[in-house]
Amino acid sequence: MDKVFIKDLLVRGIIGINDWEREKIQDILINITVFTDTGTAAVSDDLSDCVDYRALAKKAQNHAETAGRFTVEALANDIAKLCLEQKGVNKVIVRVEKPGAVRFAKSVGVEIERSSE
């Protein structure tokens, strides 16, 4: 199975359980790997045969900026569902991080794997 990835998509939104997190927009770092068959696209060289990573990135960004989720787990699950709705996506790995959320750590977050099966 082939992979298409979006690396280090930085968005800003409301995420967290603390009162200040519900009011202050924070950085959210998103990484997405979708599993698909790129064979047809490789032969045809036609964009309509490709997974539209631009559309995936925009959907993930729009959702993360407006969802106001309490947990990174919930946000990651939302993004995985959006990805699996895309034509040609069989499986997805989504990583959602909150940079600077824990003192002395560059980032904390969660990585999930979901499939259409």
PDB file of N, CA and C in Angstrom:
ATOM      1  N   MET A   1       0.846  -1.177   0.000  1.00  0.00           N
ATOM      2  CA  MET A   1       0.000   0.000   0.000  1.00  0.00           C
ATOM      3  C   MET A   1       0.890   1.238   0.000  1.00  0.00           C
ATOM      4  N   ASP A   2       0.529   2.183  -0.815  1.00  0.00           N
ATOM      5  CA  ASP A   2       1.284   3.433  -0.937  1.00  0.00           C
ATOM      6  C   ASP A   2       0.804   4.440   0.110  1.00  0.00           C
ATOM      7  N   LYS A   3       1.617   5.468   0.312  1.00  0.00           N
ATOM      8  CA  LYS A   3       1.300   6.477   1.324  1.00  0.00           C
ATOM      9  C   LYS A   3       1.373   7.878   0.716  1.00  0.00           C
ATOM     10  N   VAL A   4       0.448   8.705   1.147  1.00  0.00           N
ATOM     11  CA  VAL A   4       0.479  10.131   0.861  1.00  0.00           C
ATOM     12  C   VAL A   4       0.499  10.812   2.216  1.00  0.00           C
ATOM     13  N   PHE A   5       1.380  11.793   2.397  1.00  0.00           N
ATOM     14  CA  PHE A   5       1.486  12.379   3.735  1.00  0.00           C
ATOM     15  C   PHE A   5       1.422  13.892   3.714  1.00  0.00           C
ATOM     16  N   ILE A   6       0.955  14.428   4.818  1.00  0.00           N
ATOM     17  CA  ILE A   6       0.961  15.862   5.101  1.00  0.00           C
ATOM     18  C   ILE A   6       1.753  15.998   6.393  1.00  0.00           C
ATOM     19  N   LYS A   7       2.853  16.724   6.327  1.00  0.00           N
ATOM     20  CA  LYS A   7       3.769  16.789   7.458  1.00  0.00           C
ATOM     21  C   LYS A   7       3.765  18.176   8.101  1.00  0.00           C
ATOM     22  N   ASP A   8       3.579  18.186   9.419  1.00  0.00           N
ATOM     23  CA  ASP A   8       3.699  19.404  10.233  1.00  0.00           C
ATOM     24  C   ASP A   8       2.770  20.535   9.780  1.00  0.00           C
ATOM     25  N   LEU A   9       1.503  20.212   9.615  1.00  0.00           N
ATOM     26  CA  LEU A   9       0.487  21.226   9.320  1.00  0.00           C
ATOM     27  C   LEU A   9       0.191  21.971  10.617  1.00  0.00           C
ATOM     28  N   LEU A  10       0.590  23.230  10.664  1.00  0.00           N
ATOM     29  CA  LEU A  10       0.420  24.034  11.870  1.00  0.00           C
ATOM     30  C   LEU A  10      -0.853  24.859  11.748  1.00  0.00           C
ATOM     31  N   VAL A  11      -1.788  24.616  12.668  1.00  0.00           N
ATOM     32  CA  VAL A  11      -3.049  25.358  12.683  1.00  0.00           C
ATOM     33  C   VAL A  11      -3.226  25.970  14.063  1.00  0.00           C
ATOM     34  N   ARG A  12      -4.214  26.853  14.183  1.00  0.00           N
ATOM     35  CA  ARG A  12      -4.462  27.500  15.472  1.00  0.00           C
ATOM     36  C   ARG A  12      -5.932  27.352  15.812  1.00  0.00           C
ATOM     37  N   GLY A  13      -6.183  26.837  17.014  1.00  0.00           N
ATOM     38  CA  GLY A  13      -7.562  26.629  17.424  1.00  0.00           C
ATOM     39  C   GLY A  13      -7.692  26.469  18.925  1.00  0.00           C
ATOM     40  N   ILE A  14      -8.916  26.280  19.353  1.00  0.00           N
ATOM     41  CA  ILE A  14      -9.231  26.037  20.761  1.00  0.00           C
ATOM     42  C   ILE A  14      -9.159  24.541  21.008  1.00  0.00           C
ATOM     43  N   ILE A  15      -8.324  24.152  21.971  1.00  0.00           N
ATOM     44  CA  ILE A  15      -8.233  22.745  22.371  1.00  0.00           C
ATOM     45  C   ILE A  15      -7.724  22.694  23.800  1.00  0.00           C
ATOM     46  N   GLY A  16      -8.339  21.858  24.618  1.00  0.00           N
ATOM     47  CA  GLY A  16      -7.903  21.708  25.999  1.00  0.00           C
ATOM     48  C   GLY A  16      -9.068  21.772  26.972  1.00  0.00           C
ATOM     49  N   ILE A  17      -8.762  21.440  28.218  1.00  0.00           N
ATOM     50  CA  ILE A  17      -9.808  21.369  29.244  1.00  0.00           C
ATOM     51  C   ILE A  17      -9.775  22.534  30.221  1.00  0.00           C
ATOM     52  N   ASN A  18      -8.647  23.211  30.323  1.00  0.00           N
ATOM     53  CA  ASN A  18      -8.526  24.317  31.269  1.00  0.00           C
ATOM     54  C   ASN A  18      -9.287  25.544  30.769  1.00  0.00           C
ATOM     55  N   ASP A  19      -9.747  26.371  31.697  1.00  0.00           N
ATOM     56  CA  ASP A  19     -10.508  27.575  31.332  1.00  0.00           C
ATOM     57  C   ASP A  19      -9.744  28.444  30.338  1.00  0.00           C
ATOM     58  N   TRP A  20      -8.460  28.675  30.596  1.00  0.00           N
ATOM     59  CA  TRP A  20      -7.689  29.534  29.707  1.00  0.00           C
ATOM     60  C   TRP A  20      -7.543  28.914  28.320  1.00  0.00           C
ATOM     61  N   GLU A  21      -7.535  27.568  28.238  1.00  0.00           N
ATOM     62  CA  GLU A  21      -7.428  26.894  26.943  1.00  0.00           C
ATOM     63  C   GLU A  21      -8.716  27.032  26.128  1.00  0.00           C
ATOM     64  N   ARG A  22      -9.822  27.268  26.802  1.00  0.00           N
ATOM     65  CA  ARG A  22     -11.102  27.429  26.129  1.00  0.00           C
ATOM     66  C   ARG A  22     -11.267  28.850  25.580  1.00  0.00           C
ATOM     67  N   GLU A  23     -10.374  29.741  25.997  1.00  0.00           N
ATOM     68  CA  GLU A  23     -10.464  31.143  25.582  1.00  0.00           C
ATOM     69  C   GLU A  23      -9.338  31.555  24.643  1.00  0.00           C
ATOM     70  N   LYS A  24      -8.180  30.946  24.803  1.00  0.00           N
ATOM     71  CA  LYS A  24      -6.993  31.360  24.050  1.00  0.00           C
ATOM     72  C   LYS A  24      -6.701  30.372  22.920  1.00  0.00           C
ATOM     73  N   ILE A  25      -6.564  30.895  21.726  1.00  0.00           N
ATOM     74  CA  ILE A  25      -6.211  30.059  20.575  1.00  0.00           C
ATOM     75  C   ILE A  25      -4.779  29.557  20.747  1.00  0.00           C
ATOM     76  N   GLN A  26      -4.579  28.281  20.461  1.00  0.00           N
ATOM     77  CA  GLN A  26      -3.265  27.643  20.615  1.00  0.00           C
ATOM     78  C   GLN A  26      -2.790  27.044  19.300  1.00  0.00           C
ATOM     79  N   ASP A  27      -1.488  26.809  19.219  1.00  0.00           N
ATOM     80  CA  ASP A  27      -0.931  26.078  18.092  1.00  0.00           C
ATOM     81  C   ASP A  27      -1.299  24.609  18.221  1.00  0.00           C
ATOM     82  N   ILE A  28      -1.650  24.011  17.090  1.00  0.00           N
ATOM     83  CA  ILE A  28      -1.928  22.585  17.003  1.00  0.00           C
ATOM     84  C   ILE A  28      -1.150  22.074  15.799  1.00  0.00           C
ATOM     85  N   LEU A  29      -0.368  21.041  16.000  1.00  0.00           N
ATOM     86  CA  LEU A  29       0.452  20.477  14.933  1.00  0.00           C
ATOM     87  C   LEU A  29      -0.173  19.153  14.480  1.00  0.00           C
ATOM     88  N   ILE A  30      -0.409  19.038  13.179  1.00  0.00           N
ATOM     89  CA  ILE A  30      -1.092  17.863  12.630  1.00  0.00           C
ATOM     90  C   ILE A  30      -0.218  17.193  11.581  1.00  0.00           C
ATOM     91  N   ASN A  31      -0.107  15.881  11.695  1.00  0.00           N
ATOM     92  CA  ASN A  31       0.547  15.062  10.677  1.00  0.00           C
ATOM     93  C   ASN A  31      -0.439  13.988  10.237  1.00  0.00           C
ATOM     94  N   ILE A  32      -0.536  13.807   8.925  1.00  0.00           N
ATOM     95  CA  ILE A  32      -1.485  12.852   8.360  1.00  0.00           C
ATOM     96  C   ILE A  32      -0.748  11.975   7.362  1.00  0.00           C
ATOM     97  N   THR A  33      -0.949  10.669   7.468  1.00  0.00           N
ATOM     98  CA  THR A  33      -0.483   9.727   6.456  1.00  0.00           C
ATOM     99  C   THR A  33      -1.690   8.921   6.007  1.00  0.00           C
ATOM    100  N   VAL A  34      -2.012   9.015   4.714  1.00  0.00           N
ATOM    101  CA  VAL A  34      -3.112   8.219   4.187  1.00  0.00           C
ATOM    102  C   VAL A  34      -2.536   7.102   3.321  1.00  0.00           C
ATOM    103  N   PHE A  35      -3.167   5.957   3.414  1.00  0.00           N
ATOM    104  CA  PHE A  35      -2.752   4.782   2.660  1.00  0.00           C
ATOM    105  C   PHE A  35      -3.700   4.610   1.481  1.00  0.00           C
ATOM    106  N   THR A  36      -3.122   4.478   0.302  1.00  0.00           N
ATOM    107  CA  THR A  36      -3.896   4.408  -0.922  1.00  0.00           C
ATOM    108  C   THR A  36      -3.100   3.648  -1.971  1.00  0.00           C
ATOM    109  N   ASP A  37      -3.716   3.377  -3.089  1.00  0.00           N
ATOM    110  CA  ASP A  37      -3.018   2.770  -4.218  1.00  0.00           C
ATOM    111  C   ASP A  37      -2.752   3.876  -5.234  1.00  0.00           C
ATOM    112  N   THR A  38      -1.492   4.231  -5.427  1.00  0.00           N
ATOM    113  CA  THR A  38      -1.143   5.299  -6.363  1.00  0.00           C
ATOM    114  C   THR A  38      -0.848   4.778  -7.773  1.00  0.00           C
ATOM    115  N   GLY A  39      -1.053   3.494  -7.993  1.00  0.00           N
ATOM    116  CA  GLY A  39      -0.712   2.881  -9.279  1.00  0.00           C
ATOM    117  C   GLY A  39      -1.385   3.521 -10.467  1.00  0.00           C
ATOM    118  N   THR A  40      -2.689   3.743 -10.383  1.00  0.00           N
ATOM    119  CA  THR A  40      -3.425   4.354 -11.497  1.00  0.00           C
ATOM    120  C   THR A  40      -2.915   5.760 -11.761  1.00  0.00           C
ATOM    121  N   ALA A  41      -2.740   6.543 -10.716  1.00  0.00           N
ATOM    122  CA  ALA A  41      -2.249   7.920 -10.865  1.00  0.00           C
ATOM    123  C   ALA A  41      -0.838   7.939 -11.444  1.00  0.00           C
ATOM    124  N   ALA A  42      -0.020   6.970 -11.068  1.00  0.00           N
ATOM    125  CA  ALA A  42       1.353   6.920 -11.568  1.00  0.00           C
ATOM    126  C   ALA A  42       1.394   6.676 -13.076  1.00  0.00           C
ATOM    127  N   VAL A  43       0.452   5.881 -13.570  1.00  0.00           N
ATOM    128  CA  VAL A  43       0.398   5.586 -15.004  1.00  0.00           C
ATOM    129  C   VAL A  43      -0.299   6.713 -15.765  1.00  0.00           C
ATOM    130  N   SER A  44      -1.422   7.185 -15.233  1.00  0.00           N
ATOM    131  CA  SER A  44      -2.216   8.194 -15.955  1.00  0.00           C
ATOM    132  C   SER A  44      -1.640   9.596 -15.861  1.00  0.00           C
ATOM    133  N   ASP A  45      -0.925   9.882 -14.783  1.00  0.00           N
ATOM    134  CA  ASP A  45      -0.402  11.230 -14.512  1.00  0.00           C
ATOM    135  C   ASP A  45      -1.540  12.255 -14.482  1.00  0.00           C
ATOM    136  N   ASP A  46      -2.708  11.801 -13.992  1.00  0.00           N
ATOM    137  CA  ASP A  46      -3.918  12.616 -13.964  1.00  0.00           C
ATOM    138  C   ASP A  46      -4.296  12.910 -12.518  1.00  0.00           C
ATOM    139  N   LEU A  47      -4.474  14.186 -12.201  1.00  0.00           N
ATOM    140  CA  LEU A  47      -4.802  14.583 -10.831  1.00  0.00           C
ATOM    141  C   LEU A  47      -6.084  13.940 -10.314  1.00  0.00           C
ATOM    142  N   SER A  48      -7.016  13.656 -11.197  1.00  0.00           N
ATOM    143  CA  SER A  48      -8.280  13.054 -10.755  1.00  0.00           C
ATOM    144  C   SER A  48      -8.087  11.628 -10.236  1.00  0.00           C
ATOM    145  N   ASP A  49      -6.948  11.025 -10.524  1.00  0.00           N
ATOM    146  CA  ASP A  49      -6.641   9.685 -10.023  1.00  0.00           C
ATOM    147  C   ASP A  49      -5.831   9.711  -8.723  1.00  0.00           C
ATOM    148  N   CYS A  50      -5.542  10.906  -8.224  1.00  0.00           N
ATOM    149  CA  CYS A  50      -4.725  11.072  -7.020  1.00  0.00           C
ATOM    150  C   CYS A  50      -5.602  11.361  -5.795  1.00  0.00           C
ATOM    151  N   VAL A  51      -5.062  11.072  -4.624  1.00  0.00           N
ATOM    152  CA  VAL A  51      -5.668  11.561  -3.391  1.00  0.00           C
ATOM    153  C   VAL A  51      -5.358  13.054  -3.324  1.00  0.00           C
ATOM    154  N   ASP A  52      -6.370  13.851  -3.106  1.00  0.00           N
ATOM    155  CA  ASP A  52      -6.220  15.306  -3.095  1.00  0.00           C
ATOM    156  C   ASP A  52      -5.702  15.751  -1.730  1.00  0.00           C
ATOM    157  N   TYR A  53      -4.390  15.835  -1.591  1.00  0.00           N
ATOM    158  CA  TYR A  53      -3.811  16.197  -0.295  1.00  0.00           C
ATOM    159  C   TYR A  53      -4.080  17.648   0.067  1.00  0.00           C
ATOM    160  N   ARG A  54      -4.262  18.498  -0.920  1.00  0.00           N
ATOM    161  CA  ARG A  54      -4.613  19.887  -0.625  1.00  0.00           C
ATOM    162  C   ARG A  54      -5.994  19.951   0.042  1.00  0.00           C
ATOM    163  N   ALA A  55      -6.947  19.190  -0.486  1.00  0.00           N
ATOM    164  CA  ALA A  55      -8.296  19.150   0.102  1.00  0.00           C
ATOM    165  C   ALA A  55      -8.244  18.564   1.513  1.00  0.00           C
ATOM    166  N   LEU A  56      -7.438  17.513   1.701  1.00  0.00           N
ATOM    167  CA  LEU A  56      -7.294  16.914   3.036  1.00  0.00           C
ATOM    168  C   LEU A  56      -6.735  17.920   4.025  1.00  0.00           C
ATOM    169  N   ALA A  57      -5.706  18.641   3.618  1.00  0.00           N
ATOM    170  CA  ALA A  57      -5.090  19.632   4.504  1.00  0.00           C
ATOM    171  C   ALA A  57      -6.083  20.730   4.866  1.00  0.00           C
ATOM    172  N   LYS A  58      -6.838  21.209   3.882  1.00  0.00           N
ATOM    173  CA  LYS A  58      -7.817  22.268   4.149  1.00  0.00           C
ATOM    174  C   LYS A  58      -8.922  21.781   5.087  1.00  0.00           C
ATOM    175  N   LYS A  59      -9.401  20.551   4.868  1.00  0.00           N
ATOM    176  CA  LYS A  59     -10.443  20.003   5.746  1.00  0.00           C
ATOM    177  C   LYS A  59      -9.927  19.863   7.177  1.00  0.00           C
ATOM    178  N   ALA A  60      -8.713  19.351   7.317  1.00  0.00           N
ATOM    179  CA  ALA A  60      -8.122  19.182   8.654  1.00  0.00           C
ATOM    180  C   ALA A  60      -7.935  20.538   9.320  1.00  0.00           C
ATOM    181  N   GLN A  61      -7.424  21.502   8.574  1.00  0.00           N
ATOM    182  CA  GLN A  61      -7.199  22.842   9.114  1.00  0.00           C
ATOM    183  C   GLN A  61      -8.512  23.493   9.538  1.00  0.00           C
ATOM    184  N   ASN A  62      -9.495  23.481   8.660  1.00  0.00           N
ATOM    185  CA  ASN A  62     -10.784  24.091   8.976  1.00  0.00           C
ATOM    186  C   ASN A  62     -11.423  23.451  10.201  1.00  0.00           C
ATOM    187  N   HIS A  63     -11.358  22.140  10.267  1.00  0.00           N
ATOM    188  CA  HIS A  63     -11.968  21.455  11.411  1.00  0.00           C
ATOM    189  C   HIS A  63     -11.232  21.781  12.711  1.00  0.00           C
ATOM    190  N   ALA A  64      -9.911  21.700  12.677  1.00  0.00           N
ATOM    191  CA  ALA A  64      -9.128  21.959  13.892  1.00  0.00           C
ATOM    192  C   ALA A  64      -9.314  23.390  14.389  1.00  0.00           C
ATOM    193  N   GLU A  65      -9.486  24.324  13.470  1.00  0.00           N
ATOM    194  CA  GLU A  65      -9.632  25.732  13.848  1.00  0.00           C
ATOM    195  C   GLU A  65     -11.026  26.066  14.371  1.00  0.00           C
ATOM    196  N   THR A  66     -12.012  25.206  14.095  1.00  0.00           N
ATOM    197  CA  THR A  66     -13.389  25.528  14.480  1.00  0.00           C
ATOM    198  C   THR A  66     -14.033  24.538  15.440  1.00  0.00           C
ATOM    199  N   ALA A  67     -13.454  23.359  15.634  1.00  0.00           N
ATOM    200  CA  ALA A  67     -14.114  22.301  16.410  1.00  0.00           C
ATOM    201  C   ALA A  67     -14.177  22.586  17.908  1.00  0.00           C
ATOM    202  N   GLY A  68     -13.134  23.221  18.447  1.00  0.00           N
ATOM    203  CA  GLY A  68     -13.116  23.509  19.877  1.00  0.00           C
ATOM    204  C   GLY A  68     -13.140  22.256  20.739  1.00  0.00           C
ATOM    205  N   ARG A  69     -12.404  21.246  20.332  1.00  0.00           N
ATOM    206  CA  ARG A  69     -12.378  19.970  21.064  1.00  0.00           C
ATOM    207  C   ARG A  69     -11.647  20.128  22.395  1.00  0.00           C
ATOM    208  N   PHE A  70     -11.999  19.260  23.344  1.00  0.00           N
ATOM    209  CA  PHE A  70     -11.349  19.256  24.648  1.00  0.00           C
ATOM    210  C   PHE A  70     -10.063  18.424  24.624  1.00  0.00           C
ATOM    211  N   THR A  71     -10.025  17.365  23.810  1.00  0.00           N
ATOM    212  CA  THR A  71      -8.866  16.460  23.815  1.00  0.00           C
ATOM    213  C   THR A  71      -8.259  16.314  22.424  1.00  0.00           C
ATOM    214  N   VAL A  72      -6.956  16.042  22.411  1.00  0.00           N
ATOM    215  CA  VAL A  72      -6.283  15.759  21.147  1.00  0.00           C
ATOM    216  C   VAL A  72      -6.783  14.441  20.573  1.00  0.00           C
ATOM    217  N   GLU A  73      -7.205  13.531  21.446  1.00  0.00           N
ATOM    218  CA  GLU A  73      -7.744  12.247  20.989  1.00  0.00           C
ATOM    219  C   GLU A  73      -8.992  12.451  20.127  1.00  0.00           C
ATOM    220  N   ALA A  74      -9.887  13.299  20.600  1.00  0.00           N
ATOM    221  CA  ALA A  74     -11.125  13.565  19.859  1.00  0.00           C
ATOM    222  C   ALA A  74     -10.829  14.263  18.533  1.00  0.00           C
ATOM    223  N   LEU A  75      -9.928  15.229  18.555  1.00  0.00           N
ATOM    224  CA  LEU A  75      -9.583  15.940  17.329  1.00  0.00           C
ATOM    225  C   LEU A  75      -8.934  15.003  16.312  1.00  0.00           C
ATOM    226  N   ALA A  76      -8.033  14.152  16.768  1.00  0.00           N
ATOM    227  CA  ALA A  76      -7.383  13.194  15.873  1.00  0.00           C
ATOM    228  C   ALA A  76      -8.422  12.262  15.244  1.00  0.00           C
ATOM    229  N   ASN A  77      -9.370  11.800  16.037  1.00  0.00           N
ATOM    230  CA  ASN A  77     -10.418  10.918  15.527  1.00  0.00           C
ATOM    231  C   ASN A  77     -11.274  11.636  14.476  1.00  0.00           C
ATOM    232  N   ASP A  78     -11.611  12.891  14.734  1.00  0.00           N
ATOM    233  CA  ASP A  78     -12.372  13.687  13.759  1.00  0.00           C
ATOM    234  C   ASP A  78     -11.634  13.775  12.435  1.00  0.00           C
ATOM    235  N   ILE A  79     -10.347  14.071  12.505  1.00  0.00           N
ATOM    236  CA  ILE A  79      -9.548  14.241  11.291  1.00  0.00           C
ATOM    237  C   ILE A  79      -9.428  12.916  10.542  1.00  0.00           C
ATOM    238  N   ALA A  80      -9.269  11.829  11.282  1.00  0.00           N
ATOM    239  CA  ALA A  80      -9.208  10.510  10.643  1.00  0.00           C
ATOM    240  C   ALA A  80     -10.488  10.226   9.865  1.00  0.00           C
ATOM    241  N   LYS A  81     -11.628  10.546  10.457  1.00  0.00           N
ATOM    242  CA  LYS A  81     -12.912  10.338   9.760  1.00  0.00           C
ATOM    243  C   LYS A  81     -12.990  11.164   8.483  1.00  0.00           C
ATOM    244  N   LEU A  82     -12.542  12.416   8.549  1.00  0.00           N
ATOM    245  CA  LEU A  82     -12.535  13.265   7.354  1.00  0.00           C
ATOM    246  C   LEU A  82     -11.663  12.661   6.248  1.00  0.00           C
ATOM    247  N   CYS A  83     -10.523  12.138   6.631  1.00  0.00           N
ATOM    248  CA  CYS A  83      -9.608  11.545   5.653  1.00  0.00           C
ATOM    249  C   CYS A  83     -10.205  10.298   5.009  1.00  0.00           C
ATOM    250  N   LEU A  84     -10.856   9.474   5.815  1.00  0.00           N
ATOM    251  CA  LEU A  84     -11.430   8.228   5.292  1.00  0.00           C
ATOM    252  C   LEU A  84     -12.611   8.478   4.358  1.00  0.00           C
ATOM    253  N   GLU A  85     -13.179   9.678   4.408  1.00  0.00           N
ATOM    254  CA  GLU A  85     -14.251  10.041   3.478  1.00  0.00           C
ATOM    255  C   GLU A  85     -13.712  10.372   2.087  1.00  0.00           C
ATOM    256  N   GLN A  86     -12.411  10.633   1.997  1.00  0.00           N
ATOM    257  CA  GLN A  86     -11.779  10.999   0.727  1.00  0.00           C
ATOM    258  C   GLN A  86     -11.676   9.779  -0.181  1.00  0.00           C
ATOM    259  N   LYS A  87     -11.983   9.966  -1.451  1.00  0.00           N
ATOM    260  CA  LYS A  87     -11.895   8.892  -2.436  1.00  0.00           C
ATOM    261  C   LYS A  87     -10.488   8.290  -2.462  1.00  0.00           C
ATOM    262  N   GLY A  88     -10.419   6.970  -2.404  1.00  0.00           N
ATOM    263  CA  GLY A  88      -9.149   6.266  -2.540  1.00  0.00           C
ATOM    264  C   GLY A  88      -8.390   6.036  -1.248  1.00  0.00           C
ATOM    265  N   VAL A  89      -8.853   6.597  -0.131  1.00  0.00           N
ATOM    266  CA  VAL A  89      -8.146   6.429   1.144  1.00  0.00           C
ATOM    267  C   VAL A  89      -8.675   5.177   1.845  1.00  0.00           C
ATOM    268  N   ASN A  90      -7.762   4.233   2.115  1.00  0.00           N
ATOM    269  CA  ASN A  90      -8.125   2.971   2.757  1.00  0.00           C
ATOM    270  C   ASN A  90      -7.827   2.956   4.254  1.00  0.00           C
ATOM    271  N   LYS A  91      -6.787   3.692   4.625  1.00  0.00           N
ATOM    272  CA  LYS A  91      -6.324   3.722   6.013  1.00  0.00           C
ATOM    273  C   LYS A  91      -5.661   5.055   6.248  1.00  0.00           C
ATOM    274  N   VAL A  92      -5.626   5.480   7.522  1.00  0.00           N
ATOM    275  CA  VAL A  92      -5.007   6.762   7.841  1.00  0.00           C
ATOM    276  C   VAL A  92      -4.331   6.691   9.203  1.00  0.00           C
ATOM    277  N   ILE A  93      -3.224   7.381   9.321  1.00  0.00           N
ATOM    278  CA  ILE A  93      -2.577   7.616  10.607  1.00  0.00           C
ATOM    279  C   ILE A  93      -2.592   9.123  10.817  1.00  0.00           C
ATOM    280  N   VAL A  94      -3.139   9.532  11.951  1.00  0.00           N
ATOM    281  CA  VAL A  94      -3.224  10.957  12.275  1.00  0.00           C
ATOM    282  C   VAL A  94      -2.495  11.196  13.583  1.00  0.00           C
ATOM    283  N   ARG A  95      -1.650  12.199  13.587  1.00  0.00           N
ATOM    284  CA  ARG A  95      -0.918  12.606  14.783  1.00  0.00           C
ATOM    285  C   ARG A  95      -1.294  14.058  15.074  1.00  0.00           C
ATOM    286  N   VAL A  96      -1.786  14.311  16.283  1.00  0.00           N
ATOM    287  CA  VAL A  96      -2.146  15.658  16.704  1.00  0.00           C
ATOM    288  C   VAL A  96      -1.315  15.998  17.932  1.00  0.00           C
ATOM    289  N   GLU A  97      -0.641  17.154  17.882  1.00  0.00           N
ATOM    290  CA  GLU A  97       0.238  17.566  18.972  1.00  0.00           C
ATOM    291  C   GLU A  97      -0.087  18.977  19.434  1.00  0.00           C
ATOM    292  N   LYS A  98       0.164  19.202  20.715  1.00  0.00           N
ATOM    293  CA  LYS A  98       0.072  20.537  21.295  1.00  0.00           C
ATOM    294  C   LYS A  98       1.490  20.966  21.689  1.00  0.00           C
ATOM    295  N   PRO A  99       2.135  21.749  20.832  1.00  0.00           N
ATOM    296  CA  PRO A  99       3.493  22.204  21.148  1.00  0.00           C
ATOM    297  C   PRO A  99       3.507  23.043  22.435  1.00  0.00           C
ATOM    298  N   GLY A 100       4.479  22.766  23.292  1.00  0.00           N
ATOM    299  CA  GLY A 100       4.656  23.546  24.508  1.00  0.00           C
ATOM    300  C   GLY A 100       3.627  23.304  25.594  1.00  0.00           C
ATOM    301  N   ALA A 101       2.814  22.269  25.473  1.00  0.00           N
ATOM    302  CA  ALA A 101       1.760  22.018  26.461  1.00  0.00           C
ATOM    303  C   ALA A 101       2.309  21.521  27.798  1.00  0.00           C
ATOM    304  N   VAL A 102       3.466  20.882  27.757  1.00  0.00           N
ATOM    305  CA  VAL A 102       4.085  20.358  28.977  1.00  0.00           C
ATOM    306  C   VAL A 102       5.473  20.981  29.103  1.00  0.00           C
ATOM    307  N   ARG A 103       5.736  21.502  30.258  1.00  0.00           N
ATOM    308  CA  ARG A 103       7.019  22.142  30.518  1.00  0.00           C
ATOM    309  C   ARG A 103       8.178  21.186  30.232  1.00  0.00           C
ATOM    310  N   PHE A 104       9.181  21.679  29.566  1.00  0.00           N
ATOM    311  CA  PHE A 104      10.397  20.963  29.189  1.00  0.00           C
ATOM    312  C   PHE A 104      10.188  19.938  28.069  1.00  0.00           C
ATOM    313  N   ALA A 105       8.971  19.876  27.506  1.00  0.00           N
ATOM    314  CA  ALA A 105       8.715  19.000  26.357  1.00  0.00           C
ATOM    315  C   ALA A 105       8.424  19.866  25.141  1.00  0.00           C
ATOM    316  N   LYS A 106       8.994  19.505  24.032  1.00  0.00           N
ATOM    317  CA  LYS A 106       8.739  20.250  22.809  1.00  0.00           C
ATOM    318  C   LYS A 106       7.265  20.161  22.424  1.00  0.00           C
ATOM    319  N   SER A 107       6.671  18.996  22.669  1.00  0.00           N
ATOM    320  CA  SER A 107       5.294  18.783  22.253  1.00  0.00           C
ATOM    321  C   SER A 107       4.725  17.557  22.960  1.00  0.00           C
ATOM    322  N   VAL A 108       3.404  17.501  23.060  1.00  0.00           N
ATOM    323  CA  VAL A 108       2.700  16.304  23.521  1.00  0.00           C
ATOM    324  C   VAL A 108       1.532  16.068  22.580  1.00  0.00           C
ATOM    325  N   GLY A 109       1.097  14.830  22.493  1.00  0.00           N
ATOM    326  CA  GLY A 109      -0.029  14.560  21.612  1.00  0.00           C
ATOM    327  C   GLY A 109      -0.386  13.097  21.533  1.00  0.00           C
ATOM    328  N   VAL A 110      -1.068  12.764  20.470  1.00  0.00           N
ATOM    329  CA  VAL A 110      -1.553  11.402  20.265  1.00  0.00           C
ATOM    330  C   VAL A 110      -1.428  11.057  18.781  1.00  0.00           C
ATOM    331  N   GLU A 111      -1.207   9.778  18.516  1.00  0.00           N
ATOM    332  CA  GLU A 111      -1.194   9.282  17.143  1.00  0.00           C
ATOM    333  C   GLU A 111      -2.153   8.119  17.068  1.00  0.00           C
ATOM    334  N   ILE A 112      -3.082   8.180  16.108  1.00  0.00           N
ATOM    335  CA  ILE A 112      -4.076   7.115  15.964  1.00  0.00           C
ATOM    336  C   ILE A 112      -4.023   6.540  14.559  1.00  0.00           C
ATOM    337  N   GLU A 113      -4.533   5.341  14.421  1.00  0.00           N
ATOM    338  CA  GLU A 113      -4.613   4.664  13.137  1.00  0.00           C
ATOM    339  C   GLU A 113      -6.036   4.173  12.954  1.00  0.00           C
ATOM    340  N   ARG A 114      -6.629   4.498  11.813  1.00  0.00           N
ATOM    341  CA  ARG A 114      -7.992   4.078  11.506  1.00  0.00           C
ATOM    342  C   ARG A 114      -8.042   3.558  10.067  1.00  0.00           C
ATOM    343  N   SER A 115      -8.973   2.653   9.816  1.00  0.00           N
ATOM    344  CA  SER A 115      -9.146   2.155   8.458  1.00  0.00           C
ATOM    345  C   SER A 115     -10.624   2.150   8.084  1.00  0.00           C
ATOM    346  N   SER A 116     -10.885   2.038   6.802  1.00  0.00           N
ATOM    347  CA  SER A 116     -12.257   2.054   6.322  1.00  0.00           C
ATOM    348  C   SER A 116     -12.960   0.723   6.535  1.00  0.00           C
ATOM    349  N   GLU A 117     -12.222  -0.276   6.943  1.00  0.00           N
ATOM    350  CA  GLU A 117     -12.799  -1.614   7.160  1.00  0.00           C
ATOM    351  C   GLU A 117     -13.540  -1.706   8.477  1.00  0.00           C
TER     352      GLU A 117
END
